[in-house]
Amino acid sequence: MLELAPLLMPIGYLAFISFQLARIDVVEHRLPNRYTLGLFLLSAPAVGIAFLITQSWDRLLWAIGLGFATVLMGLLLGATGGLGLGDVKLMVSLNMMLGWLSPWAALASNGLAVFSAAAVGMLRLLKHSHSNQVAFGPYLLAAFFITLGYVLVTRAY
């Protein structure tokens, strides 16, 4: 579990800001830079410190690779209007942290977030809601913590 220790700071920060971040996204449909960039400024060095402790090149490459892949995919989806740049900035940090633990965890977290947001969006369409926009941030946050919990529990046994 030594590989997790450096990530405790950004994970703790994320736990502290998650409710406020989700509330802002639901109300204003934006994720402020002061939170998303703050998380990045904690998560990127944390991954680097974790590498210095463990010397695990494969974990480092997965974390950085998933971060870059998230930027590229996010910019592509952002250009089409399918994803906000705040969501992209949040996802970069989340995917780097989960990618350090397991690339499959990052994939599972993203899949869970997309599936749950899509399910809520479909329900809104069926109910003929006035707004069919779904704030994606709360789903990203919930999926991250669910996936992180799963990874921690399965590694403990």
Foldseek 3Di string as FASTA:
>chain_A
DLLCVLVPVLVVLCVVCQVVQVVCCVVPVAGDCVRLVVSVVSQVVSNVVSCVVVVDPQLQCQLVVQLVVLVVVQVVCVVVVNDPVRVSSNLSSLCSSVSSLPNVLSVQLVVQLVVVQVVVLVVCVVVVHPDSDGRSSNSSSVSSVVSVVVSVVVVVD
